[in-house]
Amino acid sequence: MSLRRELLGRFQFELVARIVGSISGALLTVGLARILSTDEYGLLFLAISVFGVIELISRLGIPKAGARYITQYREKDPDQIPGLLRYIFLLNIAVAFIASSLLFVGSGPISQAVNEPELAILLLLGTVFVTSSAVFKFSRIQLQAFEDINSAAVIYALERGIRASTAIGLAIIGYGAVGALIGYILASVIGGIIGVGILYRRYFQGETVLSLEKGLRTRVVRYSVPITATSAANTIDKKIDTILVGFFLDPIAVAFYTLPRQIISFIQTPVSALGFSLSPTFESQKASGNAALAARIYEKSLFHILLIYIPAAAGIVLVAEPFISIIFGPDYSGAIPVLQILALQIVLLAVAILTSNSLDYLGRARERAIAKTITALLNLLLNILLIPTIGVVGAAISTVTTFSIYTFVSIYIMAQELEIRLNWLFWRVGKIIVITLIMSPFVYAMLLIGEGALSLLLSIIVGTAIWFGGAVLLRLIDLKKLAEKVS
């Protein structure tokens, strides 16, 4: 099988899993927003944001650091793999137990600090979630390192499906935010057990566990340091701002901020699948002496991402108001300006998802960590300044501003690692921007025709048609090649 066909197969499998996960996530988002009160909804995701901070301690970059060396030793010395896998797993479990213990002890003080007594029970339940989530994510990352994307995709889709069905079901029968969180816990427990079972059966069982090469344990721990720093910075970007919104404002404001972020996450489904599938490939191709091929794969992937996400971002800005009102109801009108601002982050996230994780596999975790730490601290500072003054919109402005800096730095580092044809990319991005500028007035005009779902649907259809037609006319999409791929 050719590399192109193999990569396409992995991507398709992961994409299907991501679609299943995104549909499950969308049902979960809409379902909980409709079932729970805005106060309960905000409180639940305030707790989940706290878990995100604790989860950082539960992994410390160990799974990704181990994944990098598994990728290397699969070719270099396969006999080391079973021992390396066992070492990473036991180390990760020990760290996860410590993190869960810290959450157990800190649940009371944290709930008092944000003046939300009902948060305490959610945080206590979260001690189980932190450990089970650490095991689940460990197994998925290691399966990625073995380039067993199919198995990684299956456990992801399963975990997301169980999460949505159980969380919504328990909320419907009256268990509220506590029931929803129990759904999260059950899903991660089941996903983690199945993931570890696959790793054991395929890559450990029956293999002789030799003593690890001298210094390998140290190299894994050492490489986990910059990855941990990046993870900490990611947590500041993705979780601390939500916690600060809850601290400075209230759970309803948390709901207004969380909902748009979940929508953005749903839109990122295709590029998340692509980034997960390709990340180990860049390192394996470069190590095999095919750096030019790795660069071409990255260029074309980035181009196709921008072709989709630049127009999508413009569309989200235009349709945000009717979309929020129709799908989630008038109670969530406060989320509209947040979604319009975060729409600008759609493009940034798409580029970063493809680029950032690949840098870890390419051995540039240190540089990535420095960039992420600086921008994350800047984001924290801006949040502290803007949230008390202009509310939840300030958190969105801070996120977009700092993440744009990080994204451009990531591209710069990638360009140092691979010989990317920047002129080739700039010329095509210019054409994409032209298409977007032509499309936007027509989308806005359709929204002015009337109110309701019909005008929203019409605007999306018209915008998509203009985008596709423009891409074909400007030769960004080749109909013949597209027909061949479809057939």
Protein backbone atom coordinates (compact mmCIF):
# COMPACT_ATOMS: atom_id res chain seq x y z
CA MET A 1 0.00 0.00 0.00
CA SER A 2 1.34 3.45 -0.94
CA LEU A 3 2.02 6.02 1.78
CA ARG A 4 -0.66 8.31 0.39
CA ARG A 5 -3.31 5.59 0.45
CA GLU A 6 -2.24 4.49 3.93
CA LEU A 7 -2.43 8.03 5.30
CA LEU A 8 -5.79 8.55 3.63
CA GLY A 9 -7.10 5.36 5.21
CA ARG A 10 -5.97 6.42 8.67
CA PHE A 11 -7.43 9.89 8.21
CA GLN A 12 -10.77 8.52 7.07
CA PHE A 13 -11.00 6.19 10.05
CA GLU A 14 -10.07 8.93 12.50
CA LEU A 15 -12.42 11.38 10.75
CA VAL A 16 -15.36 9.01 11.14
CA ALA A 17 -14.52 8.64 14.83
CA ARG A 18 -14.22 12.39 15.22
CA ILE A 19 -17.56 12.90 13.48
CA VAL A 20 -19.17 10.39 15.84
CA GLY A 21 -17.50 12.19 18.74
CA SER A 22 -18.54 15.61 17.46
CA ILE A 23 -22.15 14.58 16.91
CA SER A 24 -22.16 13.08 20.39
CA GLY A 25 -20.59 16.27 21.72
CA ALA A 26 -23.14 18.44 19.92
CA LEU A 27 -26.01 16.37 21.31
CA LEU A 28 -24.42 16.60 24.75
CA THR A 29 -23.97 20.37 24.47
CA VAL A 30 -27.48 21.07 23.21
CA GLY A 31 -29.07 18.44 25.46
CA LEU A 32 -27.44 19.66 28.67
CA ALA A 33 -28.10 23.30 27.74
CA ARG A 34 -31.79 22.45 27.38
CA ILE A 35 -32.09 20.08 30.37
CA LEU A 36 -29.97 21.89 32.96
CA SER A 37 -30.54 25.43 34.15
CA THR A 38 -27.96 27.96 33.00
CA ASP A 39 -26.61 27.97 36.57
CA GLU A 40 -26.21 24.16 36.66
CA TYR A 41 -24.72 24.15 33.15
CA GLY A 42 -22.15 26.77 34.09
CA LEU A 43 -21.33 25.00 37.36
CA LEU A 44 -20.75 21.68 35.57
CA PHE A 45 -18.31 23.16 33.09
CA LEU A 46 -16.63 25.22 35.79
CA ALA A 47 -15.90 21.89 37.51
CA ILE A 48 -14.67 20.36 34.25
CA SER A 49 -12.35 23.34 33.80
CA VAL A 50 -10.88 22.66 37.26
CA PHE A 51 -10.39 19.01 36.24
CA GLY A 52 -8.47 20.24 33.22
CA VAL A 53 -5.95 21.92 35.50
CA ILE A 54 -5.61 18.82 37.69
CA GLU A 55 -5.33 16.57 34.63
CA LEU A 56 -2.15 18.44 33.75
CA ILE A 57 -0.59 17.04 36.92
CA SER A 58 -2.04 13.60 36.17
CA ARG A 59 0.05 13.26 32.99
CA LEU A 60 2.99 15.70 33.15
CA GLY A 61 3.78 15.12 29.49
CA ILE A 62 4.73 11.49 30.17
CA PRO A 63 2.43 9.81 27.59
CA LYS A 64 3.57 12.06 24.73
CA ALA A 65 7.23 11.82 25.70
CA GLY A 66 6.91 8.05 25.80
CA ALA A 67 5.07 8.07 22.47
CA ARG A 68 7.97 9.86 20.80
CA TYR A 69 10.46 7.21 21.94
CA ILE A 70 8.09 4.37 21.03
CA THR A 71 7.98 5.84 17.50
CA GLN A 72 11.78 5.89 17.37
CA TYR A 73 12.42 2.46 18.91
CA ARG A 74 9.87 0.68 16.76
CA GLU A 75 12.50 0.82 14.02
CA LYS A 76 15.68 1.24 16.04
CA ASP A 77 15.26 -1.51 18.67
CA PRO A 78 11.79 -3.15 18.85
CA ASP A 79 12.83 -5.32 21.80
CA GLN A 80 12.75 -2.21 24.00
CA ILE A 81 9.07 -1.51 23.26
CA PRO A 82 7.36 -3.77 25.88
CA GLY A 83 9.56 -2.53 28.72
CA LEU A 84 9.19 1.07 27.61
CA LEU A 85 5.41 0.72 27.39
CA ARG A 86 5.22 -0.78 30.90
CA TYR A 87 7.46 1.96 32.32
CA ILE A 88 5.36 4.76 30.82
CA PHE A 89 2.11 3.19 32.01
CA LEU A 90 3.20 2.66 35.63
CA LEU A 91 4.74 6.13 35.83
CA ASN A 92 1.55 7.69 34.44
CA ILE A 93 -0.66 5.77 36.92
CA ALA A 94 1.46 6.91 39.86
CA VAL A 95 1.30 10.55 38.79
CA ALA A 96 -2.47 10.34 38.14
CA PHE A 97 -3.04 8.98 41.68
CA ILE A 98 -1.13 11.91 43.16
CA ALA A 99 -3.17 14.39 41.09
CA SER A 100 -6.47 12.80 42.17
CA SER A 101 -5.40 12.99 45.81
CA LEU A 102 -4.66 16.70 45.45
CA LEU A 103 -8.12 17.29 43.98
CA PHE A 104 -9.74 15.33 46.82
CA VAL A 105 -7.98 17.49 49.42
CA GLY A 106 -8.57 20.74 47.54
CA SER A 107 -12.24 20.29 46.62
CA GLY A 108 -13.49 22.21 49.65
CA PRO A 109 -11.07 25.16 49.46
CA ILE A 110 -11.61 25.51 45.68
CA SER A 111 -15.40 25.67 46.03
CA GLN A 112 -15.03 28.24 48.81
CA ALA A 113 -12.61 30.33 46.74
CA VAL A 114 -15.16 30.76 43.93
CA ASN A 115 -18.04 31.02 46.45
CA GLU A 116 -19.91 28.04 44.96
CA PRO A 117 -20.60 25.44 47.72
CA GLU A 118 -22.37 23.08 45.26
CA LEU A 119 -19.12 22.80 43.32
CA ALA A 120 -17.54 20.68 46.08
CA ILE A 121 -19.48 17.45 45.30
CA LEU A 122 -18.60 17.76 41.60
CA LEU A 123 -14.92 18.14 42.46
CA LEU A 124 -15.00 15.08 44.73
CA LEU A 125 -16.48 13.02 41.89
CA GLY A 126 -13.80 14.50 39.70
CA THR A 127 -11.09 12.56 41.56
CA VAL A 128 -12.30 9.43 39.78
CA PHE A 129 -12.62 11.26 36.47
CA VAL A 130 -9.03 12.55 36.61
CA THR A 131 -7.57 9.06 37.02
CA SER A 132 -9.80 7.34 34.47
CA SER A 133 -9.28 10.14 31.96
CA ALA A 134 -5.51 9.86 32.39
CA VAL A 135 -5.65 6.13 31.58
CA PHE A 136 -7.90 6.70 28.57
CA LYS A 137 -5.71 9.45 27.11
CA PHE A 138 -2.56 7.42 27.79
CA SER A 139 -3.90 4.50 25.75
CA ARG A 140 -5.00 6.72 22.86
CA ILE A 141 -1.63 8.52 22.64
CA GLN A 142 0.32 5.24 22.71
CA LEU A 143 -1.88 3.76 19.98
CA GLN A 144 -1.10 6.88 17.93
CA ALA A 145 2.62 6.28 18.49
CA PHE A 146 2.24 2.76 17.10
CA GLU A 147 0.37 4.40 14.17
CA ASP A 148 -2.58 2.19 15.11
CA ILE A 149 -4.95 5.03 14.28
CA ASN A 150 -7.89 2.68 13.70
CA SER A 151 -7.85 1.36 17.28
CA ALA A 152 -7.29 4.85 18.66
CA ALA A 153 -10.28 6.05 16.64
CA VAL A 154 -12.54 3.25 17.86
CA ILE A 155 -11.94 3.89 21.56
CA TYR A 156 -12.39 7.64 21.01
CA ALA A 157 -15.76 7.22 19.28
CA LEU A 158 -16.87 4.72 21.93
CA GLU A 159 -15.90 6.98 24.81
CA ARG A 160 -17.66 10.01 23.31
CA GLY A 161 -20.80 8.04 22.52
CA ILE A 162 -21.06 6.60 26.03
CA ARG A 163 -20.39 10.04 27.51
CA ALA A 164 -23.24 11.70 25.61
CA SER A 165 -25.82 8.94 26.18
CA THR A 166 -25.18 8.43 29.89
CA ALA A 167 -24.69 12.10 30.79
CA ILE A 168 -27.90 13.17 29.03
CA GLY A 169 -29.81 10.13 30.33
CA LEU A 170 -28.85 10.75 33.96
CA ALA A 171 -29.60 14.47 33.62
CA ILE A 172 -33.04 13.74 32.13
CA ILE A 173 -34.09 11.45 34.99
CA GLY A 174 -33.32 14.18 37.48
CA TYR A 175 -29.71 13.82 38.61
CA GLY A 176 -28.76 17.19 37.16
CA ALA A 177 -25.12 18.26 36.91
CA VAL A 178 -24.00 15.40 39.19
CA GLY A 179 -25.61 12.85 36.89
CA ALA A 180 -24.05 14.45 33.83
CA LEU A 181 -20.60 14.23 35.44
CA ILE A 182 -21.15 10.57 36.32
CA GLY A 183 -21.76 10.03 32.59
CA TYR A 184 -18.36 11.57 31.86
CA ILE A 185 -16.76 9.27 34.44
CA LEU A 186 -18.35 6.06 33.15
CA ALA A 187 -17.28 6.86 29.59
CA SER A 188 -13.64 7.47 30.50
CA VAL A 189 -13.48 4.33 32.67
CA ILE A 190 -14.81 2.11 29.87
CA GLY A 191 -12.67 3.81 27.20
CA GLY A 192 -9.55 3.49 29.35
CA ILE A 193 -10.09 -0.21 30.08
CA ILE A 194 -10.61 -1.05 26.41
CA GLY A 195 -7.64 1.09 25.29
CA VAL A 196 -5.22 -0.48 27.76
CA GLY A 197 -6.58 -3.91 26.83
CA ILE A 198 -5.74 -3.32 23.14
CA LEU A 199 -2.23 -2.13 24.01
CA TYR A 200 -1.64 -5.17 26.22
CA ARG A 201 -2.94 -7.70 23.69
CA ARG A 202 -1.20 -6.30 20.62
CA TYR A 203 2.04 -4.79 21.88
CA PHE A 204 2.83 -6.35 25.25
CA GLN A 205 1.30 -9.78 25.78
CA GLY A 206 3.66 -12.60 24.87
CA GLU A 207 6.61 -10.26 24.36
CA THR A 208 9.78 -10.58 26.41
CA VAL A 209 10.24 -7.57 28.68
CA LEU A 210 13.93 -6.75 28.61
CA SER A 211 15.77 -4.29 30.81
CA LEU A 212 15.47 -0.85 29.31
CA GLU A 213 18.46 0.63 27.55
CA LYS A 214 20.63 2.62 29.92
CA GLY A 215 19.48 6.23 30.12
CA LEU A 216 16.18 5.66 28.28
CA ARG A 217 14.07 6.27 31.39
CA THR A 218 15.93 9.51 31.97
CA ARG A 219 15.45 10.63 28.36
CA VAL A 220 11.71 10.00 28.57
CA VAL A 221 11.40 12.01 31.78
CA ARG A 222 13.63 14.78 30.43
CA TYR A 223 11.63 15.09 27.20
CA SER A 224 8.39 15.15 29.21
CA VAL A 225 9.48 18.44 30.82
CA PRO A 226 8.92 20.73 27.80
CA ILE A 227 5.77 18.80 26.90
CA THR A 228 4.52 19.36 30.45
CA ALA A 229 5.27 23.05 30.08
CA THR A 230 3.27 23.13 26.85
CA SER A 231 0.41 21.23 28.49
CA ALA A 232 0.43 23.69 31.38
CA ALA A 233 0.28 26.57 28.95
CA ASN A 234 -2.55 24.85 27.03
CA THR A 235 -4.42 24.48 30.30
CA ILE A 236 -4.06 28.20 30.97
CA ASP A 237 -5.40 28.90 27.49
CA LYS A 238 -8.29 26.44 27.60
CA LYS A 239 -9.27 26.15 31.25
CA ILE A 240 -7.96 28.99 33.41
CA ASP A 241 -9.91 31.60 31.44
CA THR A 242 -13.13 29.69 32.16
CA ILE A 243 -12.22 29.48 35.86
CA LEU A 244 -11.48 33.23 35.90
CA VAL A 245 -14.85 33.95 34.30
CA GLY A 246 -16.45 31.94 37.11
CA PHE A 247 -14.32 33.72 39.72
CA PHE A 248 -14.89 37.30 38.51
CA LEU A 249 -18.44 36.85 37.21
CA ASP A 250 -20.86 33.92 37.78
CA PRO A 251 -21.86 30.45 36.45
CA ILE A 252 -24.18 31.99 33.85
CA ALA A 253 -21.24 33.88 32.37
CA VAL A 254 -19.33 30.58 32.34
CA ALA A 255 -22.16 29.11 30.26
CA PHE A 256 -21.98 32.05 27.81
CA TYR A 257 -18.24 31.46 27.42
CA THR A 258 -18.25 27.66 27.39
CA LEU A 259 -20.97 27.22 24.78
CA PRO A 260 -19.13 29.06 21.94
CA ARG A 261 -15.93 27.16 22.73
CA GLN A 262 -17.81 23.89 22.38
CA ILE A 263 -19.21 25.04 19.03
CA ILE A 264 -15.70 25.92 17.84
CA SER A 265 -14.48 22.51 19.01
CA PHE A 266 -17.21 20.83 16.96
CA ILE A 267 -16.18 22.75 13.84
CA GLN A 268 -12.57 21.61 14.32
CA THR A 269 -13.49 17.95 13.81
CA PRO A 270 -11.90 17.41 10.35
CA VAL A 271 -8.60 19.13 11.14
CA SER A 272 -8.37 17.38 14.52
CA ALA A 273 -8.64 14.05 12.72
CA LEU A 274 -6.04 15.10 10.17
CA GLY A 275 -3.60 16.37 12.79
CA PHE A 276 -3.90 13.23 14.91
CA SER A 277 -3.36 11.00 11.87
CA LEU A 278 -0.37 12.88 10.45
CA SER A 279 1.60 13.89 13.56
CA PRO A 280 3.80 10.75 13.79
CA THR A 281 4.25 10.67 9.99
CA PHE A 282 6.36 13.83 9.72
CA GLU A 283 8.99 12.43 12.12
CA SER A 284 8.98 8.95 10.56
CA GLN A 285 9.40 10.36 7.04
CA LYS A 286 12.14 12.78 8.06
CA ALA A 287 13.99 10.05 9.96
CA SER A 288 13.81 7.90 6.80
CA GLY A 289 15.45 10.65 4.74
CA ASN A 290 12.21 11.85 3.14
CA ALA A 291 12.14 15.38 4.57
CA ALA A 292 11.01 16.85 1.24
CA LEU A 293 8.03 14.48 1.13
CA ALA A 294 7.12 15.42 4.71
CA ALA A 295 7.22 19.11 3.72
CA ARG A 296 4.91 18.54 0.74
CA ILE A 297 2.44 16.62 2.93
CA TYR A 298 2.40 19.48 5.43
CA GLU A 299 2.00 22.19 2.75
CA LYS A 300 -0.92 20.54 1.02
CA SER A 301 -2.61 19.68 4.30
CA LEU A 302 -2.28 23.28 5.50
CA PHE A 303 -3.62 24.64 2.21
CA HIS A 304 -6.73 22.45 2.29
CA ILE A 305 -7.34 23.36 5.92
CA LEU A 306 -7.22 27.09 5.15
CA LEU A 307 -9.44 26.60 2.10
CA ILE A 308 -12.17 25.34 4.44
CA TYR A 309 -11.63 27.29 7.63
CA ILE A 310 -11.06 30.87 6.43
CA PRO A 311 -14.51 31.05 4.76
CA ALA A 312 -16.02 29.09 7.68
CA ALA A 313 -14.75 31.68 10.18
CA ALA A 314 -16.34 34.51 8.18
CA GLY A 315 -19.59 32.57 7.98
CA ILE A 316 -19.69 31.97 11.74
CA VAL A 317 -19.30 35.72 12.41
CA LEU A 318 -22.28 36.45 10.16
CA VAL A 319 -24.69 33.71 11.30
CA ALA A 320 -23.80 33.66 15.02
CA GLU A 321 -26.88 35.60 16.17
CA PRO A 322 -29.61 33.54 14.48
CA PHE A 323 -27.70 30.30 15.08
CA ILE A 324 -27.45 30.77 18.87
CA SER A 325 -31.05 32.00 19.16
CA ILE A 326 -32.54 29.15 17.12
CA ILE A 327 -30.44 26.24 18.41
CA PHE A 328 -29.94 27.15 22.07
CA GLY A 329 -32.69 29.65 22.77
CA PRO A 330 -32.82 33.32 23.80
CA ASP A 331 -31.40 32.56 27.26
CA TYR A 332 -27.99 32.14 25.61
CA SER A 333 -27.97 35.46 23.74
CA GLY A 334 -24.99 36.52 25.85
CA ALA A 335 -22.93 33.90 24.00
CA ILE A 336 -23.42 35.57 20.58
CA PRO A 337 -20.60 38.18 20.77
CA VAL A 338 -18.29 35.58 22.31
CA LEU A 339 -18.90 33.21 19.38
CA GLN A 340 -18.31 36.03 16.87
CA ILE A 341 -14.94 36.84 18.42
CA LEU A 342 -13.88 33.21 18.84
CA ALA A 343 -14.78 32.59 15.19
CA LEU A 344 -11.52 34.33 14.39
CA GLN A 345 -9.78 31.58 16.35
CA ILE A 346 -11.17 28.88 14.05
CA VAL A 347 -8.43 29.49 11.49
CA LEU A 348 -5.73 29.80 14.14
CA LEU A 349 -6.77 26.56 15.83
CA ALA A 350 -6.90 24.70 12.53
CA VAL A 351 -3.33 25.67 11.71
CA ALA A 352 -2.10 25.02 15.26
CA ILE A 353 -3.71 21.57 15.47
CA LEU A 354 -1.88 20.43 12.34
CA THR A 355 1.41 22.05 13.36
CA SER A 356 1.83 21.91 17.13
CA ASN A 357 1.63 18.20 17.94
CA SER A 358 3.85 17.43 14.95
CA LEU A 359 6.58 19.58 16.52
CA ASP A 360 6.62 17.27 19.55
CA TYR A 361 7.29 14.26 17.33
CA LEU A 362 9.92 16.23 15.40
CA GLY A 363 11.88 16.87 18.59
CA ARG A 364 10.98 20.58 18.85
CA ALA A 365 8.99 20.29 22.08
CA ARG A 366 11.31 22.72 23.87
CA GLU A 367 10.81 25.57 21.39
CA ARG A 368 7.08 24.92 21.28
CA ALA A 369 6.94 24.95 25.08
CA ILE A 370 8.68 28.32 25.28
CA ALA A 371 6.30 29.88 22.76
CA LYS A 372 3.23 28.39 24.39
CA THR A 373 4.28 29.35 27.92
CA ILE A 374 4.93 32.99 27.00
CA THR A 375 1.64 33.40 25.13
CA ALA A 376 -0.32 31.52 27.82
CA LEU A 377 1.02 33.79 30.56
CA LEU A 378 0.13 36.78 28.40
CA ASN A 379 -3.36 35.31 28.00
CA LEU A 380 -3.66 34.92 31.78
CA LEU A 381 -2.64 38.53 32.33
CA LEU A 382 -5.06 39.85 29.71
CA ASN A 383 -7.88 37.76 31.20
CA ILE A 384 -7.26 39.24 34.64
CA LEU A 385 -7.32 42.74 33.14
CA LEU A 386 -10.22 42.37 30.69
CA ILE A 387 -12.76 40.07 32.39
CA PRO A 388 -13.52 42.42 35.33
CA THR A 389 -13.77 45.42 32.96
CA ILE A 390 -15.66 44.17 29.88
CA GLY A 391 -16.96 40.81 31.05
CA VAL A 392 -16.96 37.50 29.22
CA VAL A 393 -16.13 39.19 25.90
CA GLY A 394 -12.78 40.14 27.42
CA ALA A 395 -11.87 36.47 27.84
CA ALA A 396 -12.61 35.85 24.15
CA ILE A 397 -10.53 38.85 23.02
CA SER A 398 -7.61 37.71 25.18
CA THR A 399 -7.77 34.17 23.80
CA VAL A 400 -7.77 35.24 20.14
CA THR A 401 -5.02 37.83 20.59
CA THR A 402 -2.52 35.56 22.31
CA PHE A 403 -3.30 32.43 20.32
CA SER A 404 -2.59 34.26 17.07
CA ILE A 405 0.95 34.95 18.29
CA TYR A 406 1.47 31.30 19.23
CA THR A 407 0.16 30.06 15.87
CA PHE A 408 2.56 32.18 13.83
CA VAL A 409 5.50 31.13 16.00
CA SER A 410 4.55 27.46 15.51
CA ILE A 411 4.55 27.89 11.74
CA TYR A 412 7.96 29.58 11.95
CA ILE A 413 9.40 26.64 13.93
CA MET A 414 7.89 24.15 11.50
CA ALA A 415 9.41 26.08 8.58
CA GLN A 416 12.82 25.65 10.23
CA GLU A 417 12.29 21.90 10.51
CA LEU A 418 10.82 21.33 7.03
CA GLU A 419 11.52 23.26 3.81
CA ILE A 420 8.06 24.74 3.29
CA ARG A 421 7.30 26.70 0.11
CA LEU A 422 5.90 29.85 1.72
CA ASN A 423 5.33 31.64 -1.60
CA TRP A 424 3.31 28.66 -2.81
CA LEU A 425 1.14 28.93 0.32
CA PHE A 426 0.77 32.74 0.31
CA TRP A 427 -0.47 32.80 -3.29
CA ARG A 428 -3.21 30.28 -2.53
CA VAL A 429 -4.20 31.93 0.76
CA GLY A 430 -4.67 35.18 -1.14
CA LYS A 431 -7.14 33.46 -3.47
CA ILE A 432 -9.01 31.99 -0.48
CA ILE A 433 -9.37 35.46 1.05
CA VAL A 434 -10.76 36.80 -2.25
CA ILE A 435 -13.39 34.04 -2.30
CA THR A 436 -14.31 34.82 1.31
CA LEU A 437 -14.74 38.53 0.58
CA ILE A 438 -17.03 37.74 -2.34
CA MET A 439 -19.05 35.19 -0.35
CA SER A 440 -19.70 37.23 2.81
CA PRO A 441 -22.07 39.94 1.43
CA PHE A 442 -24.30 37.28 -0.11
CA VAL A 443 -24.50 35.36 3.18
CA TYR A 444 -25.44 38.56 5.01
CA ALA A 445 -28.06 39.42 2.39
CA MET A 446 -29.75 36.03 2.85
CA LEU A 447 -30.00 36.66 6.59
CA LEU A 448 -31.83 39.94 5.91
CA ILE A 449 -34.57 38.18 3.94
CA GLY A 450 -36.28 37.05 7.11
CA GLU A 451 -35.87 35.56 10.55
CA GLY A 452 -35.80 31.94 11.58
CA ALA A 453 -34.31 28.65 10.53
CA LEU A 454 -35.19 29.03 6.84
CA SER A 455 -33.12 32.18 6.28
CA LEU A 456 -30.26 30.67 8.31
CA LEU A 457 -30.29 27.52 6.20
CA LEU A 458 -30.54 29.54 2.99
CA SER A 459 -27.55 31.70 3.94
CA ILE A 460 -25.44 28.59 4.62
CA ILE A 461 -26.41 27.00 1.30
CA VAL A 462 -25.71 30.17 -0.69
CA GLY A 463 -22.39 30.74 1.08
CA THR A 464 -21.28 27.16 0.46
CA ALA A 465 -22.25 27.35 -3.22
CA ILE A 466 -20.32 30.61 -3.77
CA TRP A 467 -17.30 29.23 -1.92
CA PHE A 468 -17.24 26.05 -3.99
CA GLY A 469 -17.78 27.87 -7.28
CA GLY A 470 -15.04 30.37 -6.49
CA ALA A 471 -12.62 27.63 -5.49
CA VAL A 472 -13.22 25.83 -8.78
CA LEU A 473 -12.89 29.01 -10.88
CA LEU A 474 -9.63 29.99 -9.16
CA ARG A 475 -8.36 26.41 -9.56
CA LEU A 476 -8.10 25.75 -5.87
CA ILE A 477 -10.28 22.69 -6.34
CA ASP A 478 -9.70 20.34 -9.27
CA LEU A 479 -13.03 18.74 -10.19
CA LYS A 480 -11.37 15.85 -12.03
CA LYS A 481 -9.17 14.92 -9.07
CA LEU A 482 -12.12 15.40 -6.72
CA ALA A 483 -14.24 13.04 -8.83
CA GLU A 484 -11.45 10.46 -8.81
CA LYS A 485 -11.17 10.59 -5.01
CA VAL A 486 -14.94 10.34 -4.55
CA SER A 487 -15.17 7.41 -6.96
